[in-house]
Protein backbone atom coordinates (compact mmCIF):
# COMPACT_ATOMS: atom_id res chain seq x y z
CA UNK A 1 0.00 0.00 0.00
CA UNK A 2 1.31 3.45 -0.89
CA UNK A 3 0.58 6.53 1.15
CA UNK A 4 0.74 10.06 -0.18
CA UNK A 5 2.93 12.57 1.66
CA UNK A 6 3.99 16.13 0.93
CA UNK A 7 7.63 17.12 1.39
CA UNK A 8 9.25 20.54 1.01
CA UNK A 9 12.62 20.44 -0.75
CA UNK A 10 15.02 23.31 -1.41
CA UNK A 11 15.57 24.51 -4.96
CA UNK A 12 19.20 23.38 -4.69
CA UNK A 13 18.13 19.83 -3.85
CA UNK A 14 15.61 19.84 -6.70
CA UNK A 15 18.41 20.93 -9.04
CA UNK A 16 20.54 18.01 -7.79
CA UNK A 17 17.64 15.60 -8.31
CA UNK A 18 17.08 16.95 -11.82
CA UNK A 19 20.81 16.59 -12.59
CA UNK A 20 20.72 12.95 -11.43
CA UNK A 21 17.59 12.32 -13.53
CA UNK A 22 19.30 13.77 -16.61
CA UNK A 23 21.98 11.05 -16.37
CA UNK A 24 19.49 8.17 -16.14
CA UNK A 25 18.48 6.11 -19.15
CA UNK A 26 14.85 6.59 -20.11
CA UNK A 27 12.26 8.60 -18.23
CA UNK A 28 12.57 8.98 -14.45
CA UNK A 29 10.11 11.21 -12.60
CA UNK A 30 11.13 13.37 -9.67
CA UNK A 31 8.92 11.20 -7.49
CA UNK A 32 10.78 8.06 -8.57
CA UNK A 33 14.13 9.79 -8.06
CA UNK A 34 13.20 10.78 -4.50
CA UNK A 35 11.92 7.25 -3.78
CA UNK A 36 15.23 5.91 -5.10
CA UNK A 37 17.22 8.17 -2.73
CA UNK A 38 15.07 7.16 0.23
CA UNK A 39 15.43 3.47 -0.67
CA UNK A 40 19.23 3.86 -0.86
CA UNK A 41 19.36 5.48 2.56
CA UNK A 42 17.13 2.77 4.03
CA UNK A 43 19.14 0.02 2.34
CA UNK A 44 16.33 -1.18 0.07
CA UNK A 45 17.19 -2.06 -3.55
CA UNK A 46 15.46 0.01 -6.23
CA UNK A 47 16.84 -1.76 -9.27
CA UNK A 48 13.62 -3.75 -9.51
CA UNK A 49 11.90 -0.51 -10.60
CA UNK A 50 14.61 0.11 -13.19
CA UNK A 51 16.53 2.66 -11.13
CA UNK A 52 20.12 2.13 -10.09
CA UNK A 53 21.86 -1.18 -10.55
CA UNK A 54 21.58 -4.66 -9.12
CA UNK A 55 24.92 -4.18 -7.35
CA UNK A 56 23.78 -0.91 -5.80
CA UNK A 57 24.33 2.66 -6.81
CA UNK A 58 27.47 4.63 -6.10
CA UNK A 59 27.62 8.07 -4.57
CA UNK A 60 28.21 9.51 -8.04
CA UNK A 61 25.06 7.76 -9.31
CA UNK A 62 23.04 9.47 -6.60
CA UNK A 63 24.19 13.07 -6.98
CA UNK A 64 22.40 15.21 -4.44
CA UNK A 65 21.42 12.35 -2.17
CA UNK A 66 23.76 13.70 0.49
CA UNK A 67 21.44 16.71 0.71
CA UNK A 68 18.65 14.52 2.05
CA UNK A 69 18.40 14.85 5.84
PDB file of N, CA and C in Angstrom:
ATOM      1  N   UNK A   1       0.834  -1.178   0.000  1.00  0.00           N
ATOM      2  CA  UNK A   1       0.000   0.000   0.000  1.00  0.00           C
ATOM      3  C   UNK A   1       0.882   1.246   0.000  1.00  0.00           C
ATOM      4  N   UNK A   2       0.579   2.195  -0.845  1.00  0.00           N
ATOM      5  CA  UNK A   2       1.307   3.450  -0.890  1.00  0.00           C
ATOM      6  C   UNK A   2       0.504   4.520  -0.181  1.00  0.00           C
ATOM      7  N   UNK A   3       1.212   5.372   0.533  1.00  0.00           N
ATOM      8  CA  UNK A   3       0.583   6.527   1.154  1.00  0.00           C
ATOM      9  C   UNK A   3       1.141   7.776   0.501  1.00  0.00           C
ATOM     10  N   UNK A   4       0.339   8.793   0.415  1.00  0.00           N
ATOM     11  CA  UNK A   4       0.737  10.057  -0.183  1.00  0.00           C
ATOM     12  C   UNK A   4       1.230  10.985   0.920  1.00  0.00           C
ATOM     13  N   UNK A   5       2.426  11.570   0.729  1.00  0.00           N
ATOM     14  CA  UNK A   5       2.931  12.571   1.660  1.00  0.00           C
ATOM     15  C   UNK A   5       3.389  13.792   0.868  1.00  0.00           C
ATOM     16  N   UNK A   6       3.482  14.909   1.540  1.00  0.00           N
ATOM     17  CA  UNK A   6       3.987  16.130   0.933  1.00  0.00           C
ATOM     18  C   UNK A   6       5.284  16.490   1.637  1.00  0.00           C
ATOM     19  N   UNK A   7       6.318  16.801   0.842  1.00  0.00           N
ATOM     20  CA  UNK A   7       7.630  17.121   1.389  1.00  0.00           C
ATOM     21  C   UNK A   7       8.119  18.408   0.741  1.00  0.00           C
ATOM     22  N   UNK A   8       8.640  19.317   1.539  1.00  0.00           N
ATOM     23  CA  UNK A   8       9.246  20.537   1.014  1.00  0.00           C
ATOM     24  C   UNK A   8      10.733  20.285   0.792  1.00  0.00           C
ATOM     25  N   UNK A   9      11.224  20.663  -0.393  1.00  0.00           N
ATOM     26  CA  UNK A   9      12.622  20.439  -0.754  1.00  0.00           C
ATOM     27  C   UNK A   9      13.170  21.746  -1.302  1.00  0.00           C
ATOM     28  N   UNK A  10      14.417  22.066  -0.940  1.00  0.00           N
ATOM     29  CA  UNK A  10      15.023  23.305  -1.413  1.00  0.00           C
ATOM     30  C   UNK A  10      15.233  23.263  -2.924  1.00  0.00           C
ATOM     31  N   UNK A  11      15.337  24.440  -3.512  1.00  0.00           N
ATOM     32  CA  UNK A  11      15.567  24.507  -4.956  1.00  0.00           C
ATOM     33  C   UNK A  11      16.921  23.896  -5.324  1.00  0.00           C
ATOM     34  N   UNK A  12      17.895  23.976  -4.435  1.00  0.00           N
ATOM     35  CA  UNK A  12      19.197  23.375  -4.691  1.00  0.00           C
ATOM     36  C   UNK A  12      19.096  21.847  -4.753  1.00  0.00           C
ATOM     37  N   UNK A  13      18.317  21.277  -3.850  1.00  0.00           N
ATOM     38  CA  UNK A  13      18.134  19.826  -3.853  1.00  0.00           C
ATOM     39  C   UNK A  13      17.355  19.385  -5.085  1.00  0.00           C
ATOM     40  N   UNK A  14      16.359  20.157  -5.476  1.00  0.00           N
ATOM     41  CA  UNK A  14      15.607  19.844  -6.696  1.00  0.00           C
ATOM     42  C   UNK A  14      16.538  19.877  -7.902  1.00  0.00           C
ATOM     43  N   UNK A  15      17.441  20.854  -7.943  1.00  0.00           N
ATOM     44  CA  UNK A  15      18.413  20.926  -9.042  1.00  0.00           C
ATOM     45  C   UNK A  15      19.313  19.693  -9.050  1.00  0.00           C
ATOM     46  N   UNK A  16      19.721  19.223  -7.877  1.00  0.00           N
ATOM     47  CA  UNK A  16      20.541  18.006  -7.792  1.00  0.00           C
ATOM     48  C   UNK A  16      19.759  16.785  -8.257  1.00  0.00           C
ATOM     49  N   UNK A  17      18.501  16.710  -7.866  1.00  0.00           N
ATOM     50  CA  UNK A  17      17.643  15.603  -8.307  1.00  0.00           C
ATOM     51  C   UNK A  17      17.498  15.631  -9.819  1.00  0.00           C
ATOM     52  N   UNK A  18      17.237  16.810 -10.370  1.00  0.00           N
ATOM     53  CA  UNK A  18      17.083  16.946 -11.820  1.00  0.00           C
ATOM     54  C   UNK A  18      18.372  16.583 -12.554  1.00  0.00           C
ATOM     55  N   UNK A  19      19.528  16.942 -11.976  1.00  0.00           N
ATOM     56  CA  UNK A  19      20.812  16.587 -12.594  1.00  0.00           C
ATOM     57  C   UNK A  19      20.997  15.069 -12.596  1.00  0.00           C
ATOM     58  N   UNK A  20      20.623  14.405 -11.497  1.00  0.00           N
ATOM     59  CA  UNK A  20      20.722  12.948 -11.434  1.00  0.00           C
ATOM     60  C   UNK A  20      19.794  12.319 -12.468  1.00  0.00           C
ATOM     61  N   UNK A  21      18.571  12.837 -12.559  1.00  0.00           N
ATOM     62  CA  UNK A  21      17.595  12.321 -13.526  1.00  0.00           C
ATOM     63  C   UNK A  21      18.138  12.433 -14.944  1.00  0.00           C
ATOM     64  N   UNK A  22      18.790  13.537 -15.254  1.00  0.00           N
ATOM     65  CA  UNK A  22      19.304  13.768 -16.609  1.00  0.00           C
ATOM     66  C   UNK A  22      20.328  12.719 -17.026  1.00  0.00           C
ATOM     67  N   UNK A  23      20.975  12.077 -16.063  1.00  0.00           N
ATOM     68  CA  UNK A  23      21.978  11.051 -16.366  1.00  0.00           C
ATOM     69  C   UNK A  23      21.409   9.639 -16.382  1.00  0.00           C
ATOM     70  N   UNK A  24      20.113   9.489 -16.169  1.00  0.00           N
ATOM     71  CA  UNK A  24      19.495   8.170 -16.142  1.00  0.00           C
ATOM     72  C   UNK A  24      18.970   7.808 -17.526  1.00  0.00           C
ATOM     73  N   UNK A  25      19.059   6.528 -17.867  1.00  0.00           N
ATOM     74  CA  UNK A  25      18.483   6.108 -19.151  1.00  0.00           C
ATOM     75  C   UNK A  25      16.961   6.110 -19.064  1.00  0.00           C
ATOM     76  N   UNK A  26      16.315   6.588 -20.090  1.00  0.00           N
ATOM     77  CA  UNK A  26      14.853   6.592 -20.110  1.00  0.00           C
ATOM     78  C   UNK A  26      14.282   7.660 -19.200  1.00  0.00           C
ATOM     79  N   UNK A  27      12.979   7.608 -19.030  1.00  0.00           N
ATOM     80  CA  UNK A  27      12.262   8.597 -18.231  1.00  0.00           C
ATOM     81  C   UNK A  27      12.280   8.212 -16.754  1.00  0.00           C
ATOM     82  N   UNK A  28      12.650   9.149 -15.902  1.00  0.00           N
ATOM     83  CA  UNK A  28      12.568   8.983 -14.454  1.00  0.00           C
ATOM     84  C   UNK A  28      11.887  10.234 -13.912  1.00  0.00           C
ATOM     85  N   UNK A  29      10.805  10.067 -13.188  1.00  0.00           N
ATOM     86  CA  UNK A  29      10.109  11.212 -12.603  1.00  0.00           C
ATOM     87  C   UNK A  29      10.844  11.677 -11.347  1.00  0.00           C
ATOM     88  N   UNK A  30      10.553  12.887 -10.932  1.00  0.00           N
ATOM     89  CA  UNK A  30      11.132  13.366  -9.669  1.00  0.00           C
ATOM     90  C   UNK A  30      10.689  12.484  -8.511  1.00  0.00           C
ATOM     91  N   UNK A  31       9.430  12.063  -8.552  1.00  0.00           N
ATOM     92  CA  UNK A  31       8.919  11.200  -7.491  1.00  0.00           C
ATOM     93  C   UNK A  31       9.728   9.906  -7.410  1.00  0.00           C
ATOM     94  N   UNK A  32       9.993   9.288  -8.560  1.00  0.00           N
ATOM     95  CA  UNK A  32      10.782   8.059  -8.570  1.00  0.00           C
ATOM     96  C   UNK A  32      12.215   8.314  -8.102  1.00  0.00           C
ATOM     97  N   UNK A  33      12.776   9.458  -8.484  1.00  0.00           N
ATOM     98  CA  UNK A  33      14.134   9.793  -8.065  1.00  0.00           C
ATOM     99  C   UNK A  33      14.207   9.938  -6.541  1.00  0.00           C
ATOM    100  N   UNK A  34      13.221  10.616  -5.955  1.00  0.00           N
ATOM    101  CA  UNK A  34      13.198  10.783  -4.500  1.00  0.00           C
ATOM    102  C   UNK A  34      13.004   9.429  -3.819  1.00  0.00           C
ATOM    103  N   UNK A  35      12.101   8.598  -4.349  1.00  0.00           N
ATOM    104  CA  UNK A  35      11.916   7.255  -3.780  1.00  0.00           C
ATOM    105  C   UNK A  35      13.225   6.471  -3.827  1.00  0.00           C
ATOM    106  N   UNK A  36      13.954   6.594  -4.938  1.00  0.00           N
ATOM    107  CA  UNK A  36      15.234   5.914  -5.105  1.00  0.00           C
ATOM    108  C   UNK A  36      16.215   6.347  -4.013  1.00  0.00           C
ATOM    109  N   UNK A  37      16.314   7.665  -3.770  1.00  0.00           N
ATOM    110  CA  UNK A  37      17.216   8.170  -2.734  1.00  0.00           C
ATOM    111  C   UNK A  37      16.825   7.641  -1.353  1.00  0.00           C
ATOM    112  N   UNK A  38      15.547   7.665  -1.060  1.00  0.00           N
ATOM    113  CA  UNK A  38      15.071   7.157   0.233  1.00  0.00           C
ATOM    114  C   UNK A  38      15.389   5.671   0.356  1.00  0.00           C
ATOM    115  N   UNK A  39      15.132   4.908  -0.694  1.00  0.00           N
ATOM    116  CA  UNK A  39      15.432   3.474  -0.669  1.00  0.00           C
ATOM    117  C   UNK A  39      16.916   3.224  -0.437  1.00  0.00           C
ATOM    118  N   UNK A  40      17.784   4.026  -1.066  1.00  0.00           N
ATOM    119  CA  UNK A  40      19.228   3.864  -0.861  1.00  0.00           C
ATOM    120  C   UNK A  40      19.601   4.103   0.592  1.00  0.00           C
ATOM    121  N   UNK A  41      19.046   5.158   1.168  1.00  0.00           N
ATOM    122  CA  UNK A  41      19.361   5.479   2.560  1.00  0.00           C
ATOM    123  C   UNK A  41      18.861   4.378   3.493  1.00  0.00           C
ATOM    124  N   UNK A  42      17.707   3.818   3.188  1.00  0.00           N
ATOM    125  CA  UNK A  42      17.126   2.768   4.035  1.00  0.00           C
ATOM    126  C   UNK A  42      17.670   1.386   3.709  1.00  0.00           C
ATOM    127  N   UNK A  43      18.524   1.294   2.687  1.00  0.00           N
ATOM    128  CA  UNK A  43      19.135   0.017   2.344  1.00  0.00           C
ATOM    129  C   UNK A  43      18.229  -0.919   1.573  1.00  0.00           C
ATOM    130  N   UNK A  44      17.249  -0.363   0.857  1.00  0.00           N
ATOM    131  CA  UNK A  44      16.331  -1.178   0.069  1.00  0.00           C
ATOM    132  C   UNK A  44      16.675  -1.032  -1.406  1.00  0.00           C
ATOM    133  N   UNK A  45      16.836  -2.150  -2.126  1.00  0.00           N
ATOM    134  CA  UNK A  45      17.192  -2.063  -3.545  1.00  0.00           C
ATOM    135  C   UNK A  45      16.070  -1.454  -4.379  1.00  0.00           C
ATOM    136  N   UNK A  46      16.447  -0.605  -5.343  1.00  0.00           N
ATOM    137  CA  UNK A  46      15.461   0.009  -6.227  1.00  0.00           C
ATOM    138  C   UNK A  46      15.615  -0.473  -7.652  1.00  0.00           C
ATOM    139  N   UNK A  47      16.600  -1.325  -7.905  1.00  0.00           N
ATOM    140  CA  UNK A  47      16.842  -1.763  -9.272  1.00  0.00           C
ATOM    141  C   UNK A  47      15.652  -2.508  -9.860  1.00  0.00           C
ATOM    142  N   UNK A  48      14.792  -3.038  -9.010  1.00  0.00           N
ATOM    143  CA  UNK A  48      13.620  -3.750  -9.510  1.00  0.00           C
ATOM    144  C   UNK A  48      12.676  -2.807 -10.248  1.00  0.00           C
ATOM    145  N   UNK A  49      12.727  -1.501  -9.918  1.00  0.00           N
ATOM    146  CA  UNK A  49      11.903  -0.510 -10.605  1.00  0.00           C
ATOM    147  C   UNK A  49      12.648   0.093 -11.783  1.00  0.00           C
ATOM    148  N   UNK A  50      13.845  -0.411 -12.069  1.00  0.00           N
ATOM    149  CA  UNK A  50      14.607   0.107 -13.194  1.00  0.00           C
ATOM    150  C   UNK A  50      15.499   1.276 -12.840  1.00  0.00           C
ATOM    151  N   UNK A  51      15.659   1.576 -11.557  1.00  0.00           N
ATOM    152  CA  UNK A  51      16.532   2.663 -11.131  1.00  0.00           C
ATOM    153  C   UNK A  51      17.752   2.064 -10.449  1.00  0.00           C
ATOM    154  N   UNK A  52      18.904   2.640 -10.705  1.00  0.00           N
ATOM    155  CA  UNK A  52      20.116   2.132 -10.086  1.00  0.00           C
ATOM    156  C   UNK A  52      20.548   0.836 -10.739  1.00  0.00           C
ATOM    157  N   UNK A  53      21.358   0.082 -10.016  1.00  0.00           N
ATOM    158  CA  UNK A  53      21.859  -1.180 -10.551  1.00  0.00           C
ATOM    159  C   UNK A  53      21.679  -2.284  -9.540  1.00  0.00           C
ATOM    160  N   UNK A  54      21.761  -3.514 -10.001  1.00  0.00           N
ATOM    161  CA  UNK A  54      21.584  -4.661  -9.123  1.00  0.00           C
ATOM    162  C   UNK A  54      22.657  -4.701  -8.052  1.00  0.00           C
ATOM    163  N   UNK A  55      23.832  -4.167  -8.337  1.00  0.00           N
ATOM    164  CA  UNK A  55      24.916  -4.184  -7.354  1.00  0.00           C
ATOM    165  C   UNK A  55      24.868  -2.988  -6.416  1.00  0.00           C
ATOM    166  N   UNK A  56      23.907  -2.101  -6.628  1.00  0.00           N
ATOM    167  CA  UNK A  56      23.780  -0.911  -5.795  1.00  0.00           C
ATOM    168  C   UNK A  56      24.367   0.287  -6.494  1.00  0.00           C
ATOM    169  N   UNK A  57      23.863   1.433  -6.171  1.00  0.00           N
ATOM    170  CA  UNK A  57      24.326   2.662  -6.807  1.00  0.00           C
ATOM    171  C   UNK A  57      25.502   3.234  -6.035  1.00  0.00           C
ATOM    172  N   UNK A  58      26.350   3.963  -6.739  1.00  0.00           N
ATOM    173  CA  UNK A  58      27.472   4.631  -6.101  1.00  0.00           C
ATOM    174  C   UNK A  58      27.066   6.039  -5.713  1.00  0.00           C
ATOM    175  N   UNK A  59      27.918   6.701  -4.955  1.00  0.00           N
ATOM    176  CA  UNK A  59      27.625   8.073  -4.565  1.00  0.00           C
ATOM    177  C   UNK A  59      27.490   8.976  -5.785  1.00  0.00           C
ATOM    178  N   UNK A  60      28.293   8.709  -6.819  1.00  0.00           N
ATOM    179  CA  UNK A  60      28.211   9.511  -8.036  1.00  0.00           C
ATOM    180  C   UNK A  60      26.876   9.288  -8.735  1.00  0.00           C
ATOM    181  N   UNK A  61      26.352   8.062  -8.686  1.00  0.00           N
ATOM    182  CA  UNK A  61      25.064   7.757  -9.308  1.00  0.00           C
ATOM    183  C   UNK A  61      23.929   8.508  -8.626  1.00  0.00           C
ATOM    184  N   UNK A  62      24.116   8.866  -7.377  1.00  0.00           N
ATOM    185  CA  UNK A  62      23.037   9.471  -6.604  1.00  0.00           C
ATOM    186  C   UNK A  62      23.374  10.905  -6.251  1.00  0.00           C
ATOM    187  N   UNK A  63      23.837  11.678  -7.220  1.00  0.00           N
ATOM    188  CA  UNK A  63      24.189  13.074  -6.984  1.00  0.00           C
ATOM    189  C   UNK A  63      23.056  13.776  -6.275  1.00  0.00           C
ATOM    190  N   UNK A  64      23.407  14.466  -5.207  1.00  0.00           N
ATOM    191  CA  UNK A  64      22.402  15.210  -4.445  1.00  0.00           C
ATOM    192  C   UNK A  64      21.800  14.420  -3.311  1.00  0.00           C
ATOM    193  N   UNK A  65      22.040  13.120  -3.245  1.00  0.00           N
ATOM    194  CA  UNK A  65      21.419  12.349  -2.171  1.00  0.00           C
ATOM    195  C   UNK A  65      21.989  12.717  -0.821  1.00  0.00           C
ATOM    196  N   UNK A  66      23.210  13.297  -0.778  1.00  0.00           N
ATOM    197  CA  UNK A  66      23.761  13.704   0.493  1.00  0.00           C
ATOM    198  C   UNK A  66      23.036  14.913   1.062  1.00  0.00           C
ATOM    199  N   UNK A  67      22.217  15.562   0.248  1.00  0.00           N
ATOM    200  CA  UNK A  67      21.442  16.708   0.709  1.00  0.00           C
ATOM    201  C   UNK A  67      20.167  16.288   1.416  1.00  0.00           C
ATOM    202  N   UNK A  68      19.852  15.010   1.392  1.00  0.00           N
ATOM    203  CA  UNK A  68      18.646  14.518   2.052  1.00  0.00           C
ATOM    204  C   UNK A  68      18.941  14.330   3.526  1.00  0.00           C
ATOM    205  N   UNK A  69      18.185  14.967   4.388  1.00  0.00           N
ATOM    206  CA  UNK A  69      18.401  14.851   5.839  1.00  0.00           C
ATOM    207  C   UNK A  69      17.408  13.914   6.445  1.00  0.00           C
TER     208      UNK A  69
END
